[in-house]
N, C-alpha and C. Protein backbone atom coordinates (compact mmCIF):
# COMPACT_ATOMS: atom_id res chain seq x y z
N MET A 1 -94.79 -13.61 -75.93
CA MET A 1 -93.96 -12.73 -75.14
C MET A 1 -94.81 -12.07 -74.06
N ASP A 2 -94.18 -11.78 -72.93
CA ASP A 2 -94.90 -11.12 -71.85
C ASP A 2 -94.76 -9.61 -71.98
N ARG A 3 -95.25 -8.89 -71.01
CA ARG A 3 -95.26 -7.42 -71.08
C ARG A 3 -93.87 -6.81 -71.12
N THR A 4 -92.84 -7.56 -70.72
CA THR A 4 -91.48 -7.03 -70.77
C THR A 4 -90.80 -7.33 -72.09
N GLY A 5 -91.51 -8.05 -72.98
CA GLY A 5 -90.91 -8.38 -74.27
C GLY A 5 -90.12 -9.67 -74.23
N CYS A 6 -90.16 -10.39 -73.11
CA CYS A 6 -89.43 -11.64 -72.97
C CYS A 6 -90.33 -12.81 -73.32
N LYS A 7 -89.72 -13.86 -73.82
CA LYS A 7 -90.48 -15.08 -74.06
C LYS A 7 -90.86 -15.70 -72.72
N ALA A 8 -91.97 -16.43 -72.71
CA ALA A 8 -92.38 -17.13 -71.50
C ALA A 8 -91.34 -18.20 -71.20
N LEU A 9 -91.15 -18.47 -69.91
CA LEU A 9 -90.19 -19.50 -69.52
C LEU A 9 -90.50 -20.84 -70.18
N SER A 10 -91.77 -21.13 -70.40
CA SER A 10 -92.14 -22.40 -71.02
C SER A 10 -91.64 -22.49 -72.45
N GLN A 11 -91.42 -21.35 -73.11
CA GLN A 11 -90.87 -21.36 -74.46
C GLN A 11 -89.34 -21.46 -74.43
N VAL A 12 -88.74 -20.87 -73.43
CA VAL A 12 -87.29 -20.85 -73.34
C VAL A 12 -86.76 -22.13 -72.72
N LEU A 13 -87.44 -22.63 -71.71
CA LEU A 13 -86.99 -23.80 -70.98
C LEU A 13 -88.04 -24.92 -71.03
N PRO A 14 -88.08 -25.68 -72.11
CA PRO A 14 -89.10 -26.70 -72.21
C PRO A 14 -88.79 -27.94 -71.37
N THR A 15 -87.65 -27.98 -70.71
CA THR A 15 -87.29 -29.13 -69.90
C THR A 15 -87.68 -28.92 -68.45
N ARG A 16 -87.40 -29.88 -67.63
CA ARG A 16 -87.75 -29.81 -66.22
C ARG A 16 -86.87 -28.82 -65.47
N ILE A 17 -87.47 -28.23 -64.45
CA ILE A 17 -86.76 -27.28 -63.60
C ILE A 17 -86.74 -27.85 -62.19
N GLY A 18 -85.56 -28.04 -61.65
CA GLY A 18 -85.41 -28.52 -60.28
C GLY A 18 -84.97 -27.38 -59.39
N ILE A 19 -85.63 -27.25 -58.26
CA ILE A 19 -85.30 -26.21 -57.29
C ILE A 19 -84.85 -26.90 -56.02
N VAL A 20 -83.57 -26.69 -55.68
CA VAL A 20 -83.01 -27.28 -54.47
C VAL A 20 -83.05 -26.23 -53.38
N GLY A 21 -83.79 -26.50 -52.35
CA GLY A 21 -83.99 -25.53 -51.28
C GLY A 21 -85.31 -24.81 -51.51
N PHE A 22 -86.09 -24.69 -50.48
CA PHE A 22 -87.39 -24.04 -50.64
C PHE A 22 -87.56 -22.96 -49.60
N GLY A 23 -86.57 -22.07 -49.56
CA GLY A 23 -86.67 -20.87 -48.74
C GLY A 23 -87.37 -19.80 -49.55
N HIS A 24 -87.12 -18.56 -49.22
CA HIS A 24 -87.78 -17.44 -49.91
C HIS A 24 -87.46 -17.43 -51.41
N LEU A 25 -86.22 -17.68 -51.76
CA LEU A 25 -85.83 -17.66 -53.18
C LEU A 25 -86.46 -18.83 -53.93
N GLY A 26 -86.43 -20.02 -53.34
CA GLY A 26 -87.03 -21.18 -53.99
C GLY A 26 -88.52 -21.01 -54.23
N VAL A 27 -89.22 -20.45 -53.25
CA VAL A 27 -90.65 -20.17 -53.39
C VAL A 27 -90.87 -19.19 -54.54
N ALA A 28 -90.09 -18.12 -54.58
CA ALA A 28 -90.25 -17.10 -55.62
C ALA A 28 -90.01 -17.68 -57.01
N ILE A 29 -88.98 -18.52 -57.15
CA ILE A 29 -88.68 -19.12 -58.44
C ILE A 29 -89.83 -20.04 -58.88
N ALA A 30 -90.31 -20.87 -57.96
CA ALA A 30 -91.41 -21.79 -58.29
C ALA A 30 -92.67 -21.02 -58.67
N GLN A 31 -93.02 -20.00 -57.91
CA GLN A 31 -94.22 -19.24 -58.20
C GLN A 31 -94.09 -18.49 -59.53
N ARG A 32 -92.93 -17.93 -59.81
CA ARG A 32 -92.72 -17.23 -61.09
C ARG A 32 -92.80 -18.23 -62.24
N GLY A 33 -92.26 -19.40 -62.04
CA GLY A 33 -92.36 -20.43 -63.08
C GLY A 33 -93.80 -20.76 -63.41
N LEU A 34 -94.62 -20.93 -62.38
CA LEU A 34 -96.03 -21.24 -62.60
C LEU A 34 -96.76 -20.07 -63.25
N THR A 35 -96.41 -18.86 -62.84
CA THR A 35 -97.01 -17.66 -63.43
C THR A 35 -96.64 -17.56 -64.91
N ALA A 36 -95.43 -17.99 -65.25
CA ALA A 36 -94.95 -17.94 -66.63
C ALA A 36 -95.40 -19.16 -67.43
N ARG A 37 -96.31 -19.92 -66.86
CA ARG A 37 -96.91 -21.08 -67.51
C ARG A 37 -95.97 -22.26 -67.70
N VAL A 38 -95.00 -22.42 -66.82
CA VAL A 38 -94.22 -23.65 -66.82
C VAL A 38 -95.15 -24.73 -66.28
N SER A 39 -95.19 -25.85 -66.95
CA SER A 39 -96.07 -26.93 -66.54
C SER A 39 -95.70 -27.42 -65.13
N ARG A 40 -96.70 -27.65 -64.29
CA ARG A 40 -96.45 -28.16 -62.94
C ARG A 40 -95.62 -29.44 -62.99
N ARG A 41 -95.87 -30.28 -63.98
CA ARG A 41 -95.14 -31.55 -64.05
C ARG A 41 -93.66 -31.35 -64.37
N ASN A 42 -93.29 -30.15 -64.82
CA ASN A 42 -91.89 -29.85 -65.11
C ASN A 42 -91.16 -29.19 -63.95
N LEU A 43 -91.84 -29.03 -62.82
CA LEU A 43 -91.21 -28.48 -61.61
C LEU A 43 -90.93 -29.60 -60.63
N LEU A 44 -89.74 -29.62 -60.05
CA LEU A 44 -89.42 -30.55 -58.99
C LEU A 44 -88.75 -29.77 -57.86
N LEU A 45 -89.29 -29.90 -56.67
CA LEU A 45 -88.78 -29.19 -55.50
C LEU A 45 -88.11 -30.17 -54.56
N SER A 46 -87.02 -29.75 -53.97
CA SER A 46 -86.33 -30.59 -53.01
C SER A 46 -85.78 -29.71 -51.89
N HIS A 47 -85.84 -30.22 -50.68
CA HIS A 47 -85.26 -29.50 -49.54
C HIS A 47 -84.92 -30.49 -48.44
N ARG A 48 -84.07 -30.05 -47.53
CA ARG A 48 -83.80 -30.88 -46.35
C ARG A 48 -85.06 -30.96 -45.52
N ASP A 49 -85.12 -31.93 -44.68
CA ASP A 49 -86.31 -32.15 -43.86
C ASP A 49 -86.46 -31.03 -42.84
N SER A 50 -87.16 -29.99 -43.25
CA SER A 50 -87.38 -28.81 -42.41
C SER A 50 -88.87 -28.54 -42.33
N GLY A 51 -89.37 -28.36 -41.13
CA GLY A 51 -90.78 -28.06 -40.95
C GLY A 51 -91.17 -26.77 -41.64
N ALA A 52 -90.30 -25.77 -41.59
CA ALA A 52 -90.59 -24.48 -42.22
C ALA A 52 -90.67 -24.63 -43.74
N ALA A 53 -89.73 -25.37 -44.32
CA ALA A 53 -89.75 -25.57 -45.77
C ALA A 53 -90.99 -26.37 -46.18
N GLN A 54 -91.33 -27.39 -45.41
CA GLN A 54 -92.52 -28.18 -45.72
C GLN A 54 -93.78 -27.31 -45.67
N ALA A 55 -93.83 -26.40 -44.71
CA ALA A 55 -94.97 -25.49 -44.61
C ALA A 55 -95.05 -24.59 -45.84
N ARG A 56 -93.91 -24.13 -46.34
CA ARG A 56 -93.90 -23.28 -47.54
C ARG A 56 -94.36 -24.07 -48.77
N VAL A 57 -93.94 -25.33 -48.87
CA VAL A 57 -94.38 -26.18 -49.98
C VAL A 57 -95.90 -26.33 -49.94
N THR A 58 -96.43 -26.60 -48.75
CA THR A 58 -97.87 -26.77 -48.58
C THR A 58 -98.61 -25.47 -48.89
N GLN A 59 -98.11 -24.36 -48.38
CA GLN A 59 -98.76 -23.07 -48.60
C GLN A 59 -98.77 -22.70 -50.09
N ALA A 60 -97.71 -23.08 -50.80
CA ALA A 60 -97.65 -22.79 -52.23
C ALA A 60 -98.48 -23.78 -53.05
N GLY A 61 -99.00 -24.83 -52.40
CA GLY A 61 -99.81 -25.81 -53.10
C GLY A 61 -99.02 -26.71 -54.01
N LEU A 62 -97.76 -26.98 -53.67
CA LEU A 62 -96.88 -27.75 -54.53
C LEU A 62 -96.47 -29.09 -53.93
N GLN A 63 -97.30 -29.65 -53.06
CA GLN A 63 -96.97 -30.91 -52.41
C GLN A 63 -96.72 -32.03 -53.42
N ASP A 64 -97.43 -31.99 -54.55
CA ASP A 64 -97.28 -33.04 -55.54
C ASP A 64 -95.97 -32.94 -56.32
N ARG A 65 -95.25 -31.84 -56.18
CA ARG A 65 -93.99 -31.64 -56.89
C ARG A 65 -92.79 -31.71 -55.95
N HIS A 66 -92.98 -32.24 -54.78
CA HIS A 66 -92.00 -32.19 -53.72
C HIS A 66 -91.28 -33.52 -53.53
N SER A 67 -89.98 -33.44 -53.37
CA SER A 67 -89.17 -34.61 -53.03
C SER A 67 -88.19 -34.18 -51.96
N ARG A 68 -88.30 -34.75 -50.78
CA ARG A 68 -87.40 -34.37 -49.69
C ARG A 68 -86.03 -34.96 -49.92
N SER A 69 -85.00 -34.18 -49.75
CA SER A 69 -83.64 -34.70 -49.86
C SER A 69 -83.14 -35.06 -48.49
N SER A 70 -82.25 -36.00 -48.45
CA SER A 70 -81.67 -36.37 -47.16
C SER A 70 -80.20 -36.02 -47.18
N MET A 71 -79.80 -35.28 -46.20
CA MET A 71 -78.40 -34.87 -46.07
C MET A 71 -77.80 -35.60 -44.89
N SER A 72 -76.73 -36.30 -45.14
CA SER A 72 -76.09 -36.98 -44.02
C SER A 72 -74.89 -36.17 -43.56
N SER A 73 -74.72 -36.08 -42.29
CA SER A 73 -73.56 -35.35 -41.77
C SER A 73 -72.48 -36.35 -41.42
N ASN A 74 -71.26 -36.07 -41.84
CA ASN A 74 -70.13 -36.98 -41.60
C ASN A 74 -69.32 -36.53 -40.43
């Protein structure tokens, strides 16, 4: 348990965590997951092809957990 009395995310969620979108909220979720000892291999990040989002992925050091999604407009 952490200082708040909660179990670590790795104990509660032993499965993979996918984060769609890597804006401010996506970054915060990914970083909190890593802080809570969620295994890097259990994180998967996806975002539309955005230079800003790619920069955030790189800055967070999560390039190996990144999969770009493609959105087609009809």
